[in-house]
């Protein structure tokens, strides 16, 4: 992980209560950027107070982006009156730190608790302005700190959290008067509990490890901080930290190429030191995010690890192969091992037997459809189970956000209830969103009177022979309408997740004609009549036709 080259020129010290900000033409280290958060987490000594200041609340928008939600409303003070709201506008438009201090000091009766967080935010904007941040007199910073310290006993807990977060990002030291006063007020608001054991200072990568393990960090994506981690040096990141990063990327669908390449490089460099149980966690985001790294030794390294430890950790071995299956990079030697009678008999008596058999069934499907040159052992038919017989857990959890119900109603009114099937599982076990049957001429047929399944394994027919003849009742086409919801993509909204891409790829190889319905197009439809028109155009573009169109 190489640090990108910065612009030449010195960098000024961070602003503290007793320091002066950078002069004209210099950048200020106190601006609340992702890099400043990374420097805090990787600093030689990071205190729990500073760590809690960074991660205690959801991330505040960077100061250079303008006012955010914390400064747009009074906190804990009810509806804002005219003069109070006017003072907030004056603070947000202040041209210098001195002007900020003047607005706060001139009319003390109009100042509310949330105005101090607005002032800190505006200070960050001024310090982070380019190309000429205004100089800050040390007396100004001291006076602003004293104002906040004097009034923080009247702050509510939310305002304390915001001010603490901003103070840390602006570079105020964790042992200075401002952060200490805010931290003390925060502790006073907490319910009493037994004193915790003494916490040693977190050194180097330990601060980063603690941050990545924080429950709030696990819940919120923190993409701006994750992106900056690619600037860290390899010696600052331990295997445990890399595992936490990989899990965070996979959990939040963050497709960060630079960081994924760093994980791949780390895996190659540390190959001899990593067990297969660690490797399966490092490989997880590559398959889930549908990202094949550019690191040339990535696949050879994994093949050596699988050959070395396949018999030691069977479940980890299958998990690694699942990730590689999503990337279409299945090593033959590892497949020979997991399909061997000895391995299959071994896993049959383990607590994970069902999930491993499901994974092996998917791997066998991939071999059938994608590896025509494979001549090794296969999963016995009696051991095969349906791969994904139901809608995936993510779809069930987000069903209230799905377009499936309105698409189903549109198809019902457009085609009639007998002309489509919803959530039908086709061999070898893929659940389809909507399935239509059509004749060789393109006429949509009643699904319940037809065999909706294509044969599996697929039957290859001589070139030029029709898929069906006029003497049979089998339809010539099976059309699968594929909903591509927002959560089926990586967070960038452009690349399908590995599991989704794998399902579509396999359905296509089995002979089903896919009709994707992207979430952007579905969200642009206003009402059922417009959606029916959209579906009609989509189906007609495939050459499909039906009787008197309903609705």
Protein backbone atom coordinates (compact mmCIF):
# COMPACT_ATOMS: atom_id res chain seq x y z
CA UNK A 1 0.00 0.00 0.00
CA UNK A 2 1.87 2.99 -1.27
CA UNK A 3 1.28 6.49 -0.13
CA UNK A 4 0.27 8.76 -3.02
CA UNK A 5 2.64 11.59 -3.61
CA UNK A 6 1.40 14.85 -2.24
CA UNK A 7 2.01 18.35 -3.43
CA UNK A 8 5.42 19.79 -2.57
CA UNK A 9 5.77 22.28 0.22
CA UNK A 10 5.75 22.24 4.02
CA UNK A 11 2.72 21.39 6.10
CA UNK A 12 1.84 23.53 9.08
CA UNK A 13 1.25 22.05 12.54
CA UNK A 14 -2.31 21.18 13.51
CA UNK A 15 -4.25 23.94 15.25
CA UNK A 16 -4.39 23.57 19.00
CA UNK A 17 -5.40 25.82 21.83
CA UNK A 18 -1.89 27.20 21.91
CA UNK A 19 -0.85 27.08 18.26
CA UNK A 20 -1.26 29.12 15.13
CA UNK A 21 -2.82 27.79 11.96
CA UNK A 22 -0.98 27.59 8.65
CA UNK A 23 -0.23 30.75 6.80
CA UNK A 24 -1.10 31.62 3.21
CA UNK A 25 -0.34 28.90 0.69
CA UNK A 26 0.03 26.15 3.28
CA UNK A 27 -2.42 23.38 4.13
CA UNK A 28 -3.74 22.90 7.62
CA UNK A 29 -3.49 19.46 9.21
CA UNK A 30 -6.46 20.18 11.40
CA UNK A 31 -9.01 19.99 8.60
CA UNK A 32 -11.34 17.07 9.34
CA UNK A 33 -10.42 14.88 6.39
CA UNK A 34 -10.33 11.07 6.20
CA UNK A 35 -6.55 11.24 6.21
CA UNK A 36 -6.54 13.11 9.53
CA UNK A 37 -8.74 10.38 11.03
CA UNK A 38 -6.34 7.75 9.71
CA UNK A 39 -3.35 9.61 11.19
CA UNK A 40 -5.05 9.66 14.58
CA UNK A 41 -5.84 5.93 14.46
CA UNK A 42 -2.30 5.02 13.33
CA UNK A 43 -0.49 7.50 15.59
CA UNK A 44 2.13 6.23 17.98
CA UNK A 45 -0.16 6.74 20.97
CA UNK A 46 -3.92 7.01 20.59
CA UNK A 47 -5.95 7.59 23.74
CA UNK A 48 -9.40 6.04 24.28
CA UNK A 49 -10.78 9.59 24.62
CA UNK A 50 -9.66 10.54 21.13
CA UNK A 51 -10.89 7.21 19.73
CA UNK A 52 -14.29 7.69 21.34
CA UNK A 53 -14.43 11.23 19.98
CA UNK A 54 -13.96 9.88 16.46
CA UNK A 55 -16.32 6.92 16.62
CA UNK A 56 -18.87 7.78 19.29
CA UNK A 57 -21.44 9.23 16.88
CA UNK A 58 -22.27 8.71 13.20
CA UNK A 59 -19.74 10.47 10.95
CA UNK A 60 -20.06 14.21 10.62
CA UNK A 61 -19.87 15.47 7.05
CA UNK A 62 -16.43 16.87 6.13
CA UNK A 63 -16.23 20.55 6.94
CA UNK A 64 -15.27 21.48 3.40
CA UNK A 65 -18.68 20.33 2.18
CA UNK A 66 -20.63 23.06 3.97
CA UNK A 67 -23.22 22.95 6.76
CA UNK A 68 -24.59 19.52 7.61
CA UNK A 69 -27.56 18.25 9.54
CA UNK A 70 -26.00 18.93 12.95
CA UNK A 71 -25.83 22.67 12.27
CA UNK A 72 -29.18 22.96 10.51
CA UNK A 73 -31.35 22.66 13.57
CA UNK A 74 -31.16 23.62 17.24
CA UNK A 75 -30.33 20.64 19.44
CA UNK A 76 -32.49 20.18 22.50
CA UNK A 77 -33.77 23.73 22.35
CA UNK A 78 -37.16 23.38 20.65
CA UNK A 79 -38.23 25.50 17.69
CA UNK A 80 -35.70 28.19 16.88
CA UNK A 81 -36.82 31.80 17.20
CA UNK A 82 -35.98 34.43 14.63
CA UNK A 83 -32.96 36.04 16.36
CA UNK A 84 -31.55 32.61 17.24
CA UNK A 85 -31.90 31.44 13.67
CA UNK A 86 -30.36 34.69 12.45
CA UNK A 87 -27.35 34.18 14.70
CA UNK A 88 -26.87 30.71 13.24
CA UNK A 89 -26.81 32.17 9.74
CA UNK A 90 -24.25 34.75 10.82
CA UNK A 91 -22.02 32.01 12.26
CA UNK A 92 -22.34 29.90 9.12
CA UNK A 93 -21.32 32.87 6.97
CA UNK A 94 -18.46 34.16 9.16
CA UNK A 95 -15.40 35.12 7.13
CA UNK A 96 -12.77 34.58 9.83
CA UNK A 97 -12.29 32.89 13.23
CA UNK A 98 -12.26 36.32 14.85
CA UNK A 99 -15.66 37.09 13.38
CA UNK A 100 -16.96 33.79 14.77
CA UNK A 101 -15.82 34.80 18.24
CA UNK A 102 -17.36 38.25 17.85
CA UNK A 103 -20.80 36.87 16.92
CA UNK A 104 -20.73 34.52 19.92
CA UNK A 105 -19.64 37.21 22.36
CA UNK A 106 -21.73 40.20 21.31
CA UNK A 107 -25.20 38.79 22.05
CA UNK A 108 -24.93 36.19 24.84
CA UNK A 109 -28.72 36.14 25.34
CA UNK A 110 -29.22 34.82 21.80
CA UNK A 111 -26.57 32.08 21.98
CA UNK A 112 -27.88 28.54 22.34
CA UNK A 113 -25.98 25.32 22.93
CA UNK A 114 -26.04 24.20 19.30
CA UNK A 115 -24.43 27.48 18.17
CA UNK A 116 -21.08 26.29 19.55
CA UNK A 117 -21.11 23.18 17.37
CA UNK A 118 -22.01 25.43 14.40
CA UNK A 119 -19.03 27.65 15.27
CA UNK A 120 -16.66 24.67 15.45
CA UNK A 121 -17.91 23.43 12.12
CA UNK A 122 -17.42 26.85 10.51
CA UNK A 123 -13.94 27.02 12.01
CA UNK A 124 -13.14 23.72 10.28
CA UNK A 125 -14.45 25.11 7.00
CA UNK A 126 -12.27 28.18 7.33
CA UNK A 127 -9.19 26.15 8.24
CA UNK A 128 -9.79 23.75 5.38
CA UNK A 129 -10.42 26.43 2.76
CA UNK A 130 -8.15 26.60 -0.27
CA UNK A 131 -5.84 27.97 -1.40
CA UNK A 132 -5.32 30.57 1.33
CA UNK A 133 -6.71 29.62 4.73
CA UNK A 134 -6.90 32.65 7.02
CA UNK A 135 -4.35 32.81 9.84
CA UNK A 136 -5.73 32.07 13.30
CA UNK A 137 -4.45 33.96 16.29
CA UNK A 138 -3.70 31.77 19.27
CA UNK A 139 -5.79 34.11 21.47
CA UNK A 140 -8.81 33.48 19.22
CA UNK A 141 -8.55 29.71 19.64
CA UNK A 142 -8.07 30.07 23.38
CA UNK A 143 -11.06 32.40 23.72
CA UNK A 144 -13.30 30.09 21.65
CA UNK A 145 -12.18 27.12 23.76
CA UNK A 146 -12.93 29.01 26.97
CA UNK A 147 -16.39 29.98 25.71
CA UNK A 148 -17.23 26.35 24.99
CA UNK A 149 -15.71 25.13 28.29
CA UNK A 150 -17.70 27.77 30.24
CA UNK A 151 -21.01 26.85 28.61
CA UNK A 152 -20.70 23.09 28.06
CA UNK A 153 -22.44 22.24 31.39
CA UNK A 154 -25.64 23.51 29.73
CA UNK A 155 -25.17 21.33 26.61
CA UNK A 156 -27.29 18.27 26.06
CA UNK A 157 -25.58 14.95 25.35
CA UNK A 158 -26.05 15.27 21.60
CA UNK A 159 -24.35 18.67 21.40
CA UNK A 160 -21.50 17.39 23.59
CA UNK A 161 -20.96 14.47 21.20
CA UNK A 162 -20.89 16.76 18.17
CA UNK A 163 -18.52 19.26 19.76
CA UNK A 164 -16.23 16.46 20.97
CA UNK A 165 -16.14 14.92 17.51
CA UNK A 166 -15.39 18.24 15.81
CA UNK A 167 -12.76 19.19 18.38
CA UNK A 168 -10.88 15.95 17.77
CA UNK A 169 -11.04 16.39 14.00
CA UNK A 170 -9.84 19.99 14.25
CA UNK A 171 -6.73 18.77 16.06
CA UNK A 172 -7.38 19.96 19.62
CA UNK A 173 -5.24 17.65 21.78
CA UNK A 174 -6.98 14.87 23.71
CA UNK A 175 -5.33 16.02 26.95
CA UNK A 176 -6.11 19.73 26.37
CA UNK A 177 -8.70 21.75 28.31
CA UNK A 178 -11.40 21.69 25.60
CA UNK A 179 -11.48 17.93 24.93
CA UNK A 180 -11.08 17.14 28.64
CA UNK A 181 -14.01 19.41 29.57
CA UNK A 182 -16.25 17.92 26.90
CA UNK A 183 -15.21 14.38 27.82
CA UNK A 184 -15.94 15.09 31.48
CA UNK A 185 -19.41 16.42 30.63
CA UNK A 186 -20.05 13.37 28.46
CA UNK A 187 -19.17 11.05 31.33
CA UNK A 188 -21.44 12.99 33.70
CA UNK A 189 -24.39 12.38 31.38
CA UNK A 190 -23.78 8.62 31.34
CA UNK A 191 -25.49 6.38 33.90
CA UNK A 192 -23.24 5.38 36.83
CA UNK A 193 -21.39 2.11 36.41
CA UNK A 194 -18.42 0.35 38.00
CA UNK A 195 -15.10 2.00 37.17
CA UNK A 196 -13.47 0.30 34.18
CA UNK A 197 -9.98 -1.15 34.46
CA UNK A 198 -7.13 1.09 33.48
CA UNK A 199 -6.83 1.19 29.70
CA UNK A 200 -3.32 1.37 28.26
CA UNK A 201 -2.61 3.68 25.38
CA UNK A 202 -3.35 2.14 22.01
CA UNK A 203 -0.13 2.07 20.02
CA UNK A 204 0.24 2.06 16.22
CA UNK A 205 -2.17 -0.28 14.49
CA UNK A 206 -3.89 -1.15 17.76
CA UNK A 207 -5.94 2.06 17.49
CA UNK A 208 -7.06 1.07 14.01
CA UNK A 209 -7.90 -2.45 15.20
CA UNK A 210 -9.97 -1.07 18.06
CA UNK A 211 -11.77 1.30 15.70
CA UNK A 212 -12.65 -1.46 13.22
CA UNK A 213 -13.96 -3.63 16.08
CA UNK A 214 -16.17 -0.85 17.45
CA UNK A 215 -19.89 -1.84 17.20
CA UNK A 216 -20.82 1.55 15.77
CA UNK A 217 -18.13 1.26 13.11
CA UNK A 218 -19.43 -2.19 12.19
CA UNK A 219 -22.90 -0.71 11.73
CA UNK A 220 -22.03 2.34 9.64
CA UNK A 221 -20.06 2.06 6.36
CA UNK A 222 -17.54 4.89 7.06
CA UNK A 223 -16.54 4.74 3.40
CA UNK A 224 -14.46 7.94 3.59
CA UNK A 225 -12.20 6.44 6.29
CA UNK A 226 -12.05 3.02 4.62
CA UNK A 227 -10.88 4.63 1.36
CA UNK A 228 -8.00 6.37 3.13
CA UNK A 229 -6.69 3.16 4.68
CA UNK A 230 -4.96 2.25 1.42
CA UNK A 231 -2.39 4.92 2.35
CA UNK A 232 -1.23 2.97 5.40
CA UNK A 233 2.10 1.16 5.28
CA UNK A 234 1.98 -2.68 5.25
CA UNK A 235 3.88 -2.93 8.53
CA UNK A 236 1.13 -0.91 10.25
CA UNK A 237 -1.58 -3.47 9.42
CA UNK A 238 -1.75 -6.89 11.09
CA UNK A 239 -3.61 -9.97 9.74
CA UNK A 240 -6.42 -9.28 12.20
CA UNK A 241 -6.77 -5.71 10.93
CA UNK A 242 -6.81 -6.94 7.33
CA UNK A 243 -9.53 -9.47 8.19
CA UNK A 244 -11.62 -6.72 9.79
CA UNK A 245 -11.16 -4.54 6.71
CA UNK A 246 -12.13 -7.40 4.38
CA UNK A 247 -15.25 -8.16 6.42
CA UNK A 248 -16.20 -4.49 6.51
CA UNK A 249 -15.88 -4.16 2.73
CA UNK A 250 -17.98 -7.28 2.17
CA UNK A 251 -20.64 -6.38 4.74
CA UNK A 252 -21.23 -2.89 3.37
CA UNK A 253 -20.67 -3.73 -0.33
CA UNK A 254 -17.78 -1.25 -0.56
CA UNK A 255 -15.93 -1.94 -3.82
CA UNK A 256 -12.69 -0.06 -3.14
CA UNK A 257 -10.19 -1.28 -5.79
CA UNK A 258 -7.11 0.24 -4.17
CA UNK A 259 -7.85 -1.36 -0.81
CA UNK A 260 -8.82 -4.69 -2.39
CA UNK A 261 -5.52 -4.71 -4.24
CA UNK A 262 -3.79 -4.01 -0.93
CA UNK A 263 -5.53 -7.02 0.66
CA UNK A 264 -4.52 -9.22 -2.29
CA UNK A 265 -0.90 -8.04 -2.01
CA UNK A 266 -0.94 -8.64 1.76
CA UNK A 267 -2.22 -12.18 1.17
CA UNK A 268 0.57 -12.92 -1.30
CA UNK A 269 3.30 -11.45 0.93
CA UNK A 270 2.08 -13.21 4.08
CA UNK A 271 1.20 -16.53 2.36
CA UNK A 272 3.28 -18.78 4.60
CA UNK A 273 2.01 -17.11 7.77
CA UNK A 274 -1.73 -17.37 7.05
CA UNK A 275 -4.01 -20.30 7.80
CA UNK A 276 -6.87 -21.22 5.50
CA UNK A 277 -9.34 -19.95 8.12
CA UNK A 278 -7.80 -16.47 7.83
CA UNK A 279 -7.50 -16.73 4.06
CA UNK A 280 -11.21 -17.48 3.63
CA UNK A 281 -12.01 -14.17 5.35
CA UNK A 282 -9.49 -12.23 3.27
CA UNK A 283 -10.85 -13.72 0.02
CA UNK A 284 -14.51 -13.14 0.94
CA UNK A 285 -14.83 -9.54 -0.40
CA UNK A 286 -13.34 -10.44 -3.79
CA UNK A 287 -16.11 -12.91 -4.60
CA UNK A 288 -18.89 -10.90 -2.99
CA UNK A 289 -17.84 -7.66 -4.69
CA UNK A 290 -17.15 -9.38 -8.02
CA UNK A 291 -13.59 -8.08 -8.12
CA UNK A 292 -10.66 -10.05 -9.56
CA UNK A 293 -7.45 -8.36 -8.36
CA UNK A 294 -4.66 -7.34 -10.71
CA UNK A 295 -2.10 -8.99 -8.42
CA UNK A 296 -0.59 -11.67 -10.67
CA UNK A 297 0.31 -14.02 -7.82
CA UNK A 298 -3.18 -13.92 -6.30
CA UNK A 299 -4.45 -17.16 -7.88
CA UNK A 300 -1.17 -19.15 -7.68
CA UNK A 301 -0.94 -18.17 -4.00
CA UNK A 302 -4.47 -19.41 -3.28
CA UNK A 303 -3.85 -22.66 -5.13
CA UNK A 304 -0.78 -23.33 -2.98
CA UNK A 305 -2.71 -22.54 0.22
CA UNK A 306 -5.58 -24.84 -0.82
CA UNK A 307 -3.16 -27.65 -1.66
CA UNK A 308 -1.43 -27.21 1.70
CA UNK A 309 -4.43 -26.89 4.03
CA UNK A 310 -7.43 -28.39 2.24
CA UNK A 311 -7.49 -31.40 4.54
CA UNK A 312 -6.94 -29.33 7.70
CA UNK A 313 -9.97 -27.00 7.42
CA UNK A 314 -12.62 -28.45 5.07
CA UNK A 315 -15.20 -25.73 5.61
CA UNK A 316 -12.64 -22.96 5.01
CA UNK A 317 -11.54 -24.76 1.84
CA UNK A 318 -15.09 -24.83 0.49
CA UNK A 319 -15.62 -21.18 1.42
CA UNK A 320 -12.49 -20.17 -0.52
CA UNK A 321 -13.70 -22.14 -3.53
CA UNK A 322 -17.11 -20.43 -3.29
CA UNK A 323 -15.44 -17.03 -3.57
CA UNK A 324 -13.35 -18.23 -6.50
CA UNK A 325 -16.45 -19.68 -8.14
CA UNK A 326 -18.02 -16.22 -8.17
CA UNK A 327 -14.85 -14.97 -9.89
CA UNK A 328 -14.84 -17.87 -12.41
CA UNK A 329 -11.40 -18.97 -11.19
CA UNK A 330 -11.81 -22.57 -10.01
CA UNK A 331 -8.52 -24.53 -9.66
CA UNK A 332 -8.86 -28.14 -10.92
CA UNK A 333 -6.63 -29.60 -8.22
CA UNK A 334 -8.80 -28.23 -5.41
CA UNK A 335 -11.95 -29.49 -7.16
CA UNK A 336 -10.45 -32.99 -7.34
CA UNK A 337 -9.98 -32.85 -3.58
CA UNK A 338 -13.44 -31.59 -2.51
CA UNK A 339 -15.24 -34.00 -4.87
CA UNK A 340 -13.20 -36.99 -3.70
CA UNK A 341 -15.13 -39.73 -1.83
CA UNK A 342 -12.91 -39.29 1.22
CA UNK A 343 -13.70 -35.59 1.57
CA UNK A 344 -17.44 -36.10 0.97
CA UNK A 345 -17.60 -38.90 3.56
CA UNK A 346 -15.68 -36.76 6.04
CA UNK A 347 -17.95 -33.73 5.82
CA UNK A 348 -21.11 -35.89 6.01
CA UNK A 349 -20.56 -36.38 9.74
CA UNK A 350 -19.84 -32.73 10.59
CA UNK A 351 -22.28 -30.10 11.95
CA UNK A 352 -21.83 -28.13 8.72
CA UNK A 353 -22.79 -31.03 6.45
CA UNK A 354 -25.87 -29.37 4.91
CA UNK A 355 -24.25 -26.04 4.09
CA UNK A 356 -21.15 -27.78 2.69
CA UNK A 357 -23.33 -30.03 0.50
CA UNK A 358 -25.11 -26.91 -0.77
CA UNK A 359 -21.77 -25.29 -1.61
CA UNK A 360 -20.55 -28.49 -3.28
CA UNK A 361 -23.77 -28.62 -5.30
CA UNK A 362 -23.13 -25.09 -6.54
CA UNK A 363 -19.51 -25.95 -7.34
CA UNK A 364 -20.71 -29.01 -9.26
CA UNK A 365 -23.10 -26.78 -11.23
CA UNK A 366 -20.23 -24.42 -12.05
CA UNK A 367 -18.15 -27.37 -13.27
CA UNK A 368 -21.03 -28.59 -15.44
CA UNK A 369 -21.72 -25.19 -17.01
CA UNK A 370 -18.38 -23.39 -17.03
CA UNK A 371 -15.59 -26.00 -17.11
CA UNK A 372 -16.08 -28.26 -20.13
CA UNK A 373 -12.46 -29.38 -19.88
CA UNK A 374 -12.79 -30.77 -16.35
CA UNK A 375 -12.45 -34.59 -16.24
CA UNK A 376 -12.11 -35.22 -12.52
CA UNK A 377 -14.57 -36.54 -9.92
CA UNK A 378 -17.98 -34.92 -9.50
CA UNK A 379 -20.50 -34.69 -6.70
CA UNK A 380 -22.64 -37.87 -6.68
CA UNK A 381 -26.27 -37.29 -7.61
CA UNK A 382 -27.49 -38.58 -4.23
CA UNK A 383 -25.40 -35.93 -2.46
CA UNK A 384 -26.76 -32.98 -4.43
CA UNK A 385 -29.24 -30.57 -2.81
CA UNK A 386 -31.03 -27.45 -4.17
CA UNK A 387 -28.62 -24.54 -4.24
CA UNK A 388 -30.84 -21.54 -3.45
CA UNK A 389 -34.40 -22.89 -3.24
CA UNK A 390 -35.82 -19.68 -1.72
CA UNK A 391 -35.30 -15.95 -2.20
CA UNK A 392 -32.08 -14.93 -0.50
CA UNK A 393 -32.11 -13.65 3.07
CA UNK A 394 -31.30 -10.10 1.94
CA UNK A 395 -34.34 -10.05 -0.35
CA UNK A 396 -36.61 -11.35 2.42
CA UNK A 397 -35.24 -8.76 4.85
CA UNK A 398 -35.81 -5.89 2.40
CA UNK A 399 -39.07 -7.09 0.90
CA UNK A 400 -40.85 -3.85 1.81
CA UNK A 401 -38.38 -1.95 -0.39
CA UNK A 402 -38.60 -4.41 -3.28
CA UNK A 403 -40.36 -3.79 -6.60
CA UNK A 404 -41.49 -7.42 -6.81
CA UNK A 405 -45.10 -6.84 -5.71
CA UNK A 406 -45.80 -4.00 -8.14
CA UNK A 407 -44.08 -5.87 -11.01
CA UNK A 408 -46.22 -8.92 -10.22
CA UNK A 409 -49.37 -6.79 -10.33
CA UNK A 410 -48.26 -5.22 -13.61
CA UNK A 411 -47.71 -8.67 -15.15
CA UNK A 412 -51.07 -9.90 -13.82
CA UNK A 413 -52.93 -7.03 -15.48
CA UNK A 414 -50.81 -7.18 -18.63
CA UNK A 415 -50.64 -10.94 -19.27
CA UNK A 416 -53.09 -12.56 -16.88
CA UNK A 417 -52.36 -14.78 -13.88
CA UNK A 418 -51.80 -17.92 -15.98
CA UNK A 419 -49.02 -16.45 -18.10
CA UNK A 420 -46.25 -16.13 -15.49
CA UNK A 421 -44.87 -17.81 -12.37
CA UNK A 422 -43.37 -15.96 -9.44
CA UNK A 423 -40.53 -17.26 -7.20
CA UNK A 424 -40.31 -20.54 -9.09
CA UNK A 425 -37.22 -22.65 -8.31
CA UNK A 426 -35.69 -24.24 -11.39
CA UNK A 427 -33.12 -27.08 -11.37
CA UNK A 428 -30.48 -27.26 -10.00
CA UNK A 429 -32.00 -24.93 -7.40
CA UNK A 430 -32.06 -21.30 -8.52
CA UNK A 431 -35.09 -19.27 -7.44
CA UNK A 432 -36.34 -17.06 -10.28
CA UNK A 433 -38.22 -13.79 -9.81
CA UNK A 434 -40.67 -14.23 -12.70
CA UNK A 435 -40.73 -16.91 -15.40
CA UNK A 436 -42.61 -16.89 -18.72
CA UNK A 437 -43.00 -19.62 -21.34
CA UNK A 438 -43.22 -18.70 -25.02
CA UNK A 439 -43.71 -20.68 -28.21
CA UNK A 440 -41.26 -20.67 -31.09
CA UNK A 441 -43.29 -17.84 -32.66
CA UNK A 442 -43.03 -15.70 -29.50
CA UNK A 443 -46.57 -16.24 -28.16
CA UNK A 444 -46.66 -16.20 -24.37
CA UNK A 445 -48.20 -19.49 -23.15
CA UNK A 446 -49.96 -20.37 -19.89
CA UNK A 447 -47.17 -21.53 -17.59
CA UNK A 448 -49.32 -24.00 -15.67
CA UNK A 449 -50.06 -26.00 -18.81
CA UNK A 450 -46.40 -26.17 -19.82
CA UNK A 451 -43.24 -27.62 -18.39
CA UNK A 452 -41.49 -24.45 -17.20
CA UNK A 453 -38.17 -26.19 -16.55
CA UNK A 454 -35.37 -26.57 -19.02
CA UNK A 455 -33.53 -29.89 -18.69
CA UNK A 456 -30.57 -29.95 -16.37
CA UNK A 457 -27.84 -30.81 -17.15
CA UNK A 458 -28.49 -28.96 -20.41
CA UNK A 459 -28.92 -31.20 -23.45
CA UNK A 460 -26.73 -30.09 -26.31
CA UNK A 461 -28.43 -30.31 -29.69
CA UNK A 462 -26.78 -30.44 -33.13
CA UNK A 463 -26.02 -27.07 -34.65
CA UNK A 464 -28.93 -25.70 -36.67
CA UNK A 465 -31.55 -27.93 -34.98
CA UNK A 466 -34.49 -26.01 -33.53
CA UNK A 467 -34.91 -25.91 -29.80
CA UNK A 468 -38.38 -27.42 -30.15
CA UNK A 469 -40.51 -28.79 -32.93
CA UNK A 470 -44.07 -28.06 -33.88
CA UNK A 471 -45.12 -31.59 -32.88
CA UNK A 472 -44.19 -31.07 -29.23
CA UNK A 473 -45.89 -28.94 -26.65
CA UNK A 474 -42.61 -27.78 -25.14
CA UNK A 475 -42.14 -24.03 -25.48
CA UNK A 476 -39.17 -22.76 -27.41
CA UNK A 477 -38.29 -20.09 -24.84
CA UNK A 478 -38.23 -19.74 -21.11
CA UNK A 479 -37.90 -16.08 -20.22
CA UNK A 480 -36.77 -15.09 -16.71
CA UNK A 481 -37.50 -11.53 -15.59
CA UNK A 482 -34.66 -10.63 -13.24
CA UNK A 483 -35.21 -7.87 -10.70
CA UNK A 484 -32.00 -5.96 -10.11
CA UNK A 485 -32.69 -4.15 -6.86
CA UNK A 486 -30.41 -1.50 -5.44
CA UNK A 487 -28.93 -3.89 -2.85
CA UNK A 488 -28.04 -6.41 -5.58
CA UNK A 489 -25.17 -4.12 -6.56
CA UNK A 490 -21.99 -2.96 -4.89
CA UNK A 491 -22.43 0.39 -3.21
CA UNK A 492 -21.31 2.19 -6.35
CA UNK A 493 -24.54 0.96 -8.01
CA UNK A 494 -22.80 -0.25 -11.19
CA UNK A 495 -21.33 -3.71 -10.49
CA UNK A 496 -23.54 -6.68 -9.59
CA UNK A 497 -22.60 -8.58 -6.46
CA UNK A 498 -20.82 -11.84 -7.14
CA UNK A 499 -23.71 -14.07 -6.06
CA UNK A 500 -26.13 -12.19 -8.34
CA UNK A 501 -23.79 -12.26 -11.31
CA UNK A 502 -23.23 -15.99 -10.74
CA UNK A 503 -26.97 -16.75 -10.73
CA UNK A 504 -27.61 -14.79 -13.92
CA UNK A 505 -24.60 -16.36 -15.60
CA UNK A 506 -25.73 -19.90 -14.77
CA UNK A 507 -29.36 -19.31 -15.78
CA UNK A 508 -28.14 -18.00 -19.12
CA UNK A 509 -25.85 -21.00 -19.64
CA UNK A 510 -28.76 -23.34 -18.87
CA UNK A 511 -30.73 -21.80 -21.75
CA UNK A 512 -33.03 -19.34 -19.99
CA UNK A 513 -33.45 -15.97 -21.70
CA UNK A 514 -32.89 -13.22 -19.15
CA UNK A 515 -34.76 -9.92 -19.09
CA UNK A 516 -33.10 -7.66 -16.48
CA UNK A 517 -35.25 -5.00 -14.80
CA UNK A 518 -32.76 -2.48 -13.27
CA UNK A 519 -33.77 -0.57 -10.17
CA UNK A 520 -33.10 2.80 -11.85
CA UNK A 521 -35.71 2.05 -14.51
CA UNK A 522 -38.22 0.65 -12.02
CA UNK A 523 -37.84 3.64 -9.70
CA UNK A 524 -38.50 6.05 -12.57
CA UNK A 525 -41.97 4.59 -13.23
CA UNK A 526 -44.75 6.70 -11.72
CA UNK A 527 -47.69 4.48 -10.91
CA UNK A 528 -49.01 1.17 -12.22
CA UNK A 529 -50.15 2.39 -15.68
CA UNK A 530 -46.65 3.68 -16.45
CA UNK A 531 -45.09 0.46 -15.13
CA UNK A 532 -47.38 -1.65 -17.37
CA UNK A 533 -46.31 0.38 -20.38
CA UNK A 534 -42.67 -0.16 -19.38
CA UNK A 535 -43.15 -3.94 -19.05
CA UNK A 536 -45.02 -4.07 -22.37
CA UNK A 537 -42.10 -2.39 -24.15
CA UNK A 538 -39.59 -4.72 -22.49
CA UNK A 539 -41.49 -7.88 -23.46
CA UNK A 540 -42.20 -6.71 -27.00
CA UNK A 541 -38.52 -5.89 -27.48
CA UNK A 542 -37.86 -9.62 -26.97
CA UNK A 543 -40.35 -10.46 -29.71
CA UNK A 544 -42.99 -11.72 -27.29
CA UNK A 545 -46.69 -11.29 -27.99
CA UNK A 546 -49.88 -12.22 -26.19
CA UNK A 547 -53.63 -12.08 -26.60
CA UNK A 548 -55.87 -9.14 -25.73
CA UNK A 549 -53.63 -7.17 -23.41
CA UNK A 550 -55.20 -6.65 -20.02
CA UNK A 551 -55.41 -3.18 -18.53
